[in-house]
Amino acid sequence: MVKILCLAALGLAALSQATKLHVNKGYITVDDAAVRSSIDVSPPVTIYARFDGSSNKERVKPGCKLEAKWPSNYGDIYFGEDNCLYDSKGQNINGQCCKPSGDLHEVRNPYYG
């Protein structure tokens, strides 16, 4: 019983460290989850963006990829219209922006469905 309570407490502590990632415009894919407004995440995550919003395919090649990380105590972060990552004060987080690349693999299309 004590082990279960300890594990539950650890699980709650881990959940409390989650950061809410908000998308300012359009849709993105975070790891393999389509994100249309916001999602709870813990760093690091892979963000894919710059999708063709008219595509009706389930999996597509994104226009850019960002291996994102930030301090785990951030409550909210924002993926801006310019495809860069911002803190709650509007400051870019360590110069992190989604960089265009032509050799990305197909990922979940956040515009599908």
N, C-alpha and C. Protein backbone atom coordinates (compact mmCIF):
# COMPACT_ATOMS: atom_id res chain seq x y z
N MET A 1 0.82 -1.20 0.00
CA MET A 1 0.00 0.00 0.00
C MET A 1 0.86 1.26 0.00
N VAL A 2 1.93 1.25 0.80
CA VAL A 2 2.81 2.41 0.87
C VAL A 2 3.49 2.64 -0.47
N LYS A 3 3.91 1.54 -1.12
CA LYS A 3 4.55 1.68 -2.43
C LYS A 3 3.61 2.31 -3.45
N ILE A 4 2.35 1.90 -3.42
CA ILE A 4 1.37 2.45 -4.35
C ILE A 4 1.18 3.94 -4.11
N LEU A 5 1.07 4.34 -2.85
CA LEU A 5 0.91 5.76 -2.53
C LEU A 5 2.12 6.57 -2.96
N CYS A 6 3.32 6.02 -2.75
CA CYS A 6 4.54 6.71 -3.16
C CYS A 6 4.58 6.88 -4.68
N LEU A 7 4.24 5.82 -5.40
CA LEU A 7 4.22 5.89 -6.85
C LEU A 7 3.18 6.89 -7.33
N ALA A 8 2.02 6.92 -6.69
CA ALA A 8 0.99 7.88 -7.06
C ALA A 8 1.47 9.31 -6.82
N ALA A 9 2.14 9.53 -5.72
CA ALA A 9 2.67 10.86 -5.41
C ALA A 9 3.72 11.28 -6.44
N LEU A 10 4.58 10.34 -6.82
CA LEU A 10 5.58 10.64 -7.85
C LEU A 10 4.91 10.97 -9.18
N GLY A 11 3.86 10.25 -9.50
CA GLY A 11 3.14 10.51 -10.74
C GLY A 11 2.50 11.89 -10.74
N LEU A 12 1.92 12.28 -9.62
CA LEU A 12 1.33 13.62 -9.51
C LEU A 12 2.39 14.69 -9.60
N ALA A 13 3.55 14.46 -9.01
CA ALA A 13 4.64 15.43 -9.09
C ALA A 13 5.10 15.59 -10.53
N ALA A 14 5.17 14.49 -11.26
CA ALA A 14 5.58 14.56 -12.66
C ALA A 14 4.56 15.33 -13.49
N LEU A 15 3.27 15.10 -13.21
CA LEU A 15 2.24 15.81 -13.95
C LEU A 15 2.28 17.31 -13.68
N SER A 16 2.62 17.68 -12.45
CA SER A 16 2.64 19.10 -12.11
C SER A 16 3.77 19.84 -12.82
N GLN A 17 4.74 19.12 -13.35
CA GLN A 17 5.85 19.74 -14.06
C GLN A 17 5.55 19.94 -15.54
N ALA A 18 4.38 19.51 -15.99
CA ALA A 18 4.04 19.66 -17.40
C ALA A 18 3.87 21.14 -17.75
N THR A 19 4.22 21.46 -18.96
CA THR A 19 4.08 22.81 -19.50
C THR A 19 2.98 22.80 -20.54
N LYS A 20 2.16 23.82 -20.56
CA LYS A 20 1.14 23.92 -21.60
C LYS A 20 1.74 24.67 -22.79
N LEU A 21 1.80 23.98 -23.92
CA LEU A 21 2.29 24.56 -25.17
C LEU A 21 1.09 25.06 -25.96
N HIS A 22 1.05 26.35 -26.23
CA HIS A 22 -0.04 26.98 -26.98
C HIS A 22 0.43 27.27 -28.41
N VAL A 23 -0.46 27.09 -29.36
CA VAL A 23 -0.16 27.38 -30.76
C VAL A 23 -0.87 28.68 -31.13
N ASN A 24 -0.09 29.69 -31.52
CA ASN A 24 -0.68 31.00 -31.80
C ASN A 24 -1.46 31.05 -33.11
N LYS A 25 -1.01 30.30 -34.12
CA LYS A 25 -1.72 30.31 -35.41
C LYS A 25 -1.47 29.00 -36.14
N GLY A 26 -2.50 28.46 -36.73
CA GLY A 26 -2.36 27.22 -37.48
C GLY A 26 -2.28 26.01 -36.58
N TYR A 27 -1.85 24.90 -37.15
CA TYR A 27 -1.74 23.64 -36.44
C TYR A 27 -0.31 23.13 -36.53
N ILE A 28 0.09 22.36 -35.53
CA ILE A 28 1.42 21.75 -35.52
C ILE A 28 1.28 20.29 -35.08
N THR A 29 2.37 19.55 -35.20
CA THR A 29 2.45 18.20 -34.65
C THR A 29 3.57 18.21 -33.62
N VAL A 30 3.28 17.72 -32.42
CA VAL A 30 4.27 17.62 -31.36
C VAL A 30 4.48 16.13 -31.11
N ASP A 31 5.74 15.69 -31.31
CA ASP A 31 6.05 14.27 -31.32
C ASP A 31 5.11 13.63 -32.33
N ASP A 32 4.10 12.86 -31.93
CA ASP A 32 3.18 12.31 -32.94
C ASP A 32 1.74 12.74 -32.66
N ALA A 33 1.56 13.85 -31.95
CA ALA A 33 0.22 14.33 -31.62
C ALA A 33 -0.11 15.60 -32.41
N ALA A 34 -1.27 15.60 -33.06
CA ALA A 34 -1.74 16.79 -33.76
C ALA A 34 -2.19 17.81 -32.72
N VAL A 35 -1.75 19.06 -32.86
CA VAL A 35 -2.09 20.10 -31.89
C VAL A 35 -2.77 21.25 -32.63
N ARG A 36 -3.98 21.55 -32.20
CA ARG A 36 -4.76 22.60 -32.86
C ARG A 36 -4.93 23.83 -31.99
N SER A 37 -4.64 23.73 -30.71
CA SER A 37 -4.71 24.93 -29.85
C SER A 37 -3.65 24.85 -28.76
N SER A 38 -3.70 23.81 -27.92
CA SER A 38 -2.69 23.65 -26.88
C SER A 38 -2.59 22.20 -26.46
N ILE A 39 -1.47 21.89 -25.78
CA ILE A 39 -1.20 20.53 -25.32
C ILE A 39 -0.27 20.61 -24.11
N ASP A 40 -0.44 19.68 -23.17
CA ASP A 40 0.48 19.59 -22.03
C ASP A 40 1.67 18.73 -22.43
N VAL A 41 2.86 19.27 -22.25
CA VAL A 41 4.09 18.57 -22.65
C VAL A 41 5.17 18.77 -21.59
N SER A 42 6.17 17.93 -21.64
CA SER A 42 7.37 18.09 -20.81
C SER A 42 8.57 18.05 -21.75
N PRO A 43 9.54 18.92 -21.52
CA PRO A 43 10.70 18.97 -22.43
C PRO A 43 11.57 17.73 -22.29
N PRO A 44 12.24 17.35 -23.36
CA PRO A 44 12.24 17.93 -24.71
C PRO A 44 11.12 17.33 -25.56
N VAL A 45 10.74 18.04 -26.60
CA VAL A 45 9.75 17.56 -27.57
C VAL A 45 10.23 17.90 -28.98
N THR A 46 9.69 17.19 -29.94
CA THR A 46 9.95 17.51 -31.35
C THR A 46 8.69 18.15 -31.92
N ILE A 47 8.86 19.35 -32.46
CA ILE A 47 7.74 20.09 -33.04
C ILE A 47 7.91 20.12 -34.56
N TYR A 48 6.84 19.77 -35.26
CA TYR A 48 6.80 19.86 -36.72
C TYR A 48 5.77 20.91 -37.09
N ALA A 49 6.09 21.74 -38.08
CA ALA A 49 5.18 22.82 -38.47
C ALA A 49 5.32 23.11 -39.97
N ARG A 50 4.66 24.18 -40.40
CA ARG A 50 4.65 24.63 -41.79
C ARG A 50 4.06 23.55 -42.71
N PHE A 51 2.89 23.08 -42.31
CA PHE A 51 2.17 22.07 -43.09
C PHE A 51 1.34 22.73 -44.19
N ASP A 52 1.05 21.95 -45.23
CA ASP A 52 0.12 22.38 -46.26
C ASP A 52 -1.29 22.12 -45.72
N GLY A 53 -1.97 23.17 -45.33
CA GLY A 53 -3.29 23.04 -44.72
C GLY A 53 -4.36 22.48 -45.64
N SER A 54 -4.09 22.42 -46.94
CA SER A 54 -5.09 21.90 -47.87
C SER A 54 -4.94 20.39 -48.11
N SER A 55 -3.88 19.78 -47.56
CA SER A 55 -3.66 18.34 -47.76
C SER A 55 -4.69 17.53 -46.97
N ASN A 56 -5.22 16.47 -47.60
CA ASN A 56 -6.17 15.60 -46.91
C ASN A 56 -5.56 14.24 -46.58
N LYS A 57 -4.23 14.14 -46.62
CA LYS A 57 -3.55 12.90 -46.29
C LYS A 57 -3.33 12.81 -44.78
N GLU A 58 -3.34 11.57 -44.27
CA GLU A 58 -3.15 11.36 -42.83
C GLU A 58 -1.71 11.65 -42.40
N ARG A 59 -0.74 11.32 -43.26
CA ARG A 59 0.67 11.56 -42.95
C ARG A 59 1.28 12.36 -44.10
N VAL A 60 2.02 13.39 -43.74
CA VAL A 60 2.62 14.29 -44.73
C VAL A 60 4.00 14.73 -44.26
N LYS A 61 4.77 15.29 -45.18
CA LYS A 61 6.07 15.87 -44.81
C LYS A 61 5.85 17.29 -44.31
N PRO A 62 6.34 17.60 -43.12
CA PRO A 62 6.22 18.96 -42.61
C PRO A 62 7.22 19.88 -43.29
N GLY A 63 7.03 21.17 -43.15
CA GLY A 63 7.96 22.14 -43.73
C GLY A 63 9.15 22.43 -42.84
N CYS A 64 9.02 22.12 -41.54
CA CYS A 64 10.14 22.39 -40.63
C CYS A 64 10.06 21.51 -39.39
N LYS A 65 11.18 21.46 -38.68
CA LYS A 65 11.30 20.63 -37.48
C LYS A 65 12.07 21.41 -36.42
N LEU A 66 11.64 21.29 -35.16
CA LEU A 66 12.33 21.93 -34.04
C LEU A 66 12.44 20.94 -32.90
N GLU A 67 13.67 20.66 -32.48
CA GLU A 67 13.91 19.87 -31.27
C GLU A 67 13.89 20.87 -30.12
N ALA A 68 12.76 20.99 -29.44
CA ALA A 68 12.56 22.06 -28.47
C ALA A 68 12.81 21.61 -27.03
N LYS A 69 13.39 22.53 -26.26
CA LYS A 69 13.56 22.31 -24.83
C LYS A 69 13.49 23.66 -24.13
N TRP A 70 13.13 23.63 -22.87
CA TRP A 70 12.95 24.84 -22.07
C TRP A 70 13.03 24.44 -20.61
N PRO A 71 13.19 25.39 -19.71
CA PRO A 71 13.22 25.06 -18.29
C PRO A 71 11.91 24.37 -17.86
N SER A 72 12.03 23.30 -17.11
CA SER A 72 10.85 22.50 -16.75
C SER A 72 9.87 23.24 -15.85
N ASN A 73 10.27 24.37 -15.28
CA ASN A 73 9.35 25.11 -14.41
C ASN A 73 8.46 26.09 -15.19
N TYR A 74 8.60 26.17 -16.51
CA TYR A 74 7.74 27.05 -17.30
C TYR A 74 6.32 26.49 -17.31
N GLY A 75 5.35 27.30 -16.94
CA GLY A 75 3.96 26.86 -16.93
C GLY A 75 3.33 26.89 -18.31
N ASP A 76 3.66 27.93 -19.09
CA ASP A 76 3.10 28.10 -20.42
C ASP A 76 4.20 28.54 -21.38
N ILE A 77 4.18 27.97 -22.58
CA ILE A 77 5.05 28.43 -23.66
C ILE A 77 4.19 28.55 -24.91
N TYR A 78 4.71 29.27 -25.89
CA TYR A 78 3.92 29.59 -27.08
C TYR A 78 4.72 29.32 -28.34
N PHE A 79 4.07 28.64 -29.30
CA PHE A 79 4.65 28.45 -30.62
C PHE A 79 4.06 29.56 -31.47
N GLY A 80 4.89 30.55 -31.81
CA GLY A 80 4.42 31.76 -32.47
C GLY A 80 4.10 31.60 -33.93
N GLU A 81 3.44 32.61 -34.46
CA GLU A 81 3.08 32.66 -35.87
C GLU A 81 4.31 32.60 -36.76
N ASP A 82 5.46 33.01 -36.22
CA ASP A 82 6.73 32.98 -36.95
C ASP A 82 7.48 31.66 -36.80
N ASN A 83 6.82 30.65 -36.20
CA ASN A 83 7.37 29.31 -36.00
C ASN A 83 8.52 29.28 -35.01
N CYS A 84 8.51 30.20 -34.04
CA CYS A 84 9.51 30.24 -32.98
C CYS A 84 8.83 30.00 -31.63
N LEU A 85 9.63 29.62 -30.64
CA LEU A 85 9.14 29.27 -29.31
C LEU A 85 9.33 30.44 -28.35
N TYR A 86 8.26 30.78 -27.60
CA TYR A 86 8.28 31.94 -26.70
C TYR A 86 7.81 31.57 -25.30
N ASP A 87 8.34 32.29 -24.32
CA ASP A 87 7.86 32.12 -22.95
C ASP A 87 6.63 32.99 -22.73
N SER A 88 6.09 32.97 -21.52
CA SER A 88 4.86 33.71 -21.23
C SER A 88 5.04 35.22 -21.25
N LYS A 89 6.28 35.69 -21.28
CA LYS A 89 6.55 37.13 -21.36
C LYS A 89 6.79 37.58 -22.80
N GLY A 90 6.67 36.65 -23.76
CA GLY A 90 6.87 36.99 -25.16
C GLY A 90 8.32 36.99 -25.60
N GLN A 91 9.20 36.43 -24.77
CA GLN A 91 10.62 36.37 -25.11
C GLN A 91 10.93 35.04 -25.79
N ASN A 92 11.67 35.10 -26.89
CA ASN A 92 12.07 33.87 -27.58
C ASN A 92 12.90 33.03 -26.62
N ILE A 93 12.65 31.73 -26.61
CA ILE A 93 13.37 30.81 -25.72
C ILE A 93 14.63 30.32 -26.41
N ASN A 94 15.76 30.87 -26.03
CA ASN A 94 17.08 30.45 -26.51
C ASN A 94 17.19 30.40 -28.04
N GLY A 95 16.54 31.32 -28.73
CA GLY A 95 16.66 31.39 -30.18
C GLY A 95 16.03 30.23 -30.93
N GLN A 96 15.14 29.50 -30.27
CA GLN A 96 14.57 28.30 -30.88
C GLN A 96 13.46 28.65 -31.88
N CYS A 97 13.71 28.27 -33.13
CA CYS A 97 12.73 28.44 -34.21
C CYS A 97 12.73 27.18 -35.06
N CYS A 98 11.58 26.88 -35.64
CA CYS A 98 11.43 25.72 -36.51
C CYS A 98 12.15 26.02 -37.82
N LYS A 99 13.15 25.21 -38.15
CA LYS A 99 13.98 25.44 -39.34
C LYS A 99 13.48 24.63 -40.53
N PRO A 100 13.33 25.27 -41.69
CA PRO A 100 12.92 24.55 -42.89
C PRO A 100 13.93 23.46 -43.26
N SER A 101 13.40 22.36 -43.75
CA SER A 101 14.25 21.26 -44.18
C SER A 101 13.50 20.45 -45.23
N GLY A 102 14.19 20.06 -46.27
CA GLY A 102 13.56 19.30 -47.34
C GLY A 102 13.63 17.80 -47.15
N ASP A 103 14.36 17.34 -46.14
CA ASP A 103 14.56 15.89 -46.00
C ASP A 103 13.87 15.31 -44.77
N LEU A 104 12.75 15.86 -44.38
CA LEU A 104 12.03 15.36 -43.21
C LEU A 104 11.14 14.18 -43.58
N HIS A 105 10.96 13.26 -42.64
CA HIS A 105 10.08 12.11 -42.86
C HIS A 105 8.62 12.53 -42.66
N GLU A 106 7.71 11.70 -43.12
CA GLU A 106 6.29 12.00 -42.96
C GLU A 106 5.88 11.85 -41.50
N VAL A 107 5.02 12.74 -41.06
CA VAL A 107 4.49 12.72 -39.70
C VAL A 107 2.97 12.89 -39.77
N ARG A 108 2.31 12.79 -38.63
CA ARG A 108 0.87 12.98 -38.57
C ARG A 108 0.50 14.38 -39.05
N ASN A 109 -0.44 14.46 -39.95
CA ASN A 109 -0.91 15.73 -40.50
C ASN A 109 -1.92 16.34 -39.52
N PRO A 110 -1.60 17.48 -38.89
CA PRO A 110 -2.54 18.05 -37.93
C PRO A 110 -3.82 18.58 -38.57
N TYR A 111 -3.83 18.72 -39.90
CA TYR A 111 -5.01 19.19 -40.61
C TYR A 111 -5.90 18.04 -41.08
N TYR A 112 -5.45 16.80 -40.87
CA TYR A 112 -6.20 15.63 -41.33
C TYR A 112 -7.43 15.41 -40.44
N GLY A 113 -8.53 15.09 -41.08
CA GLY A 113 -9.73 14.70 -40.34
C GLY A 113 -10.59 15.78 -39.94
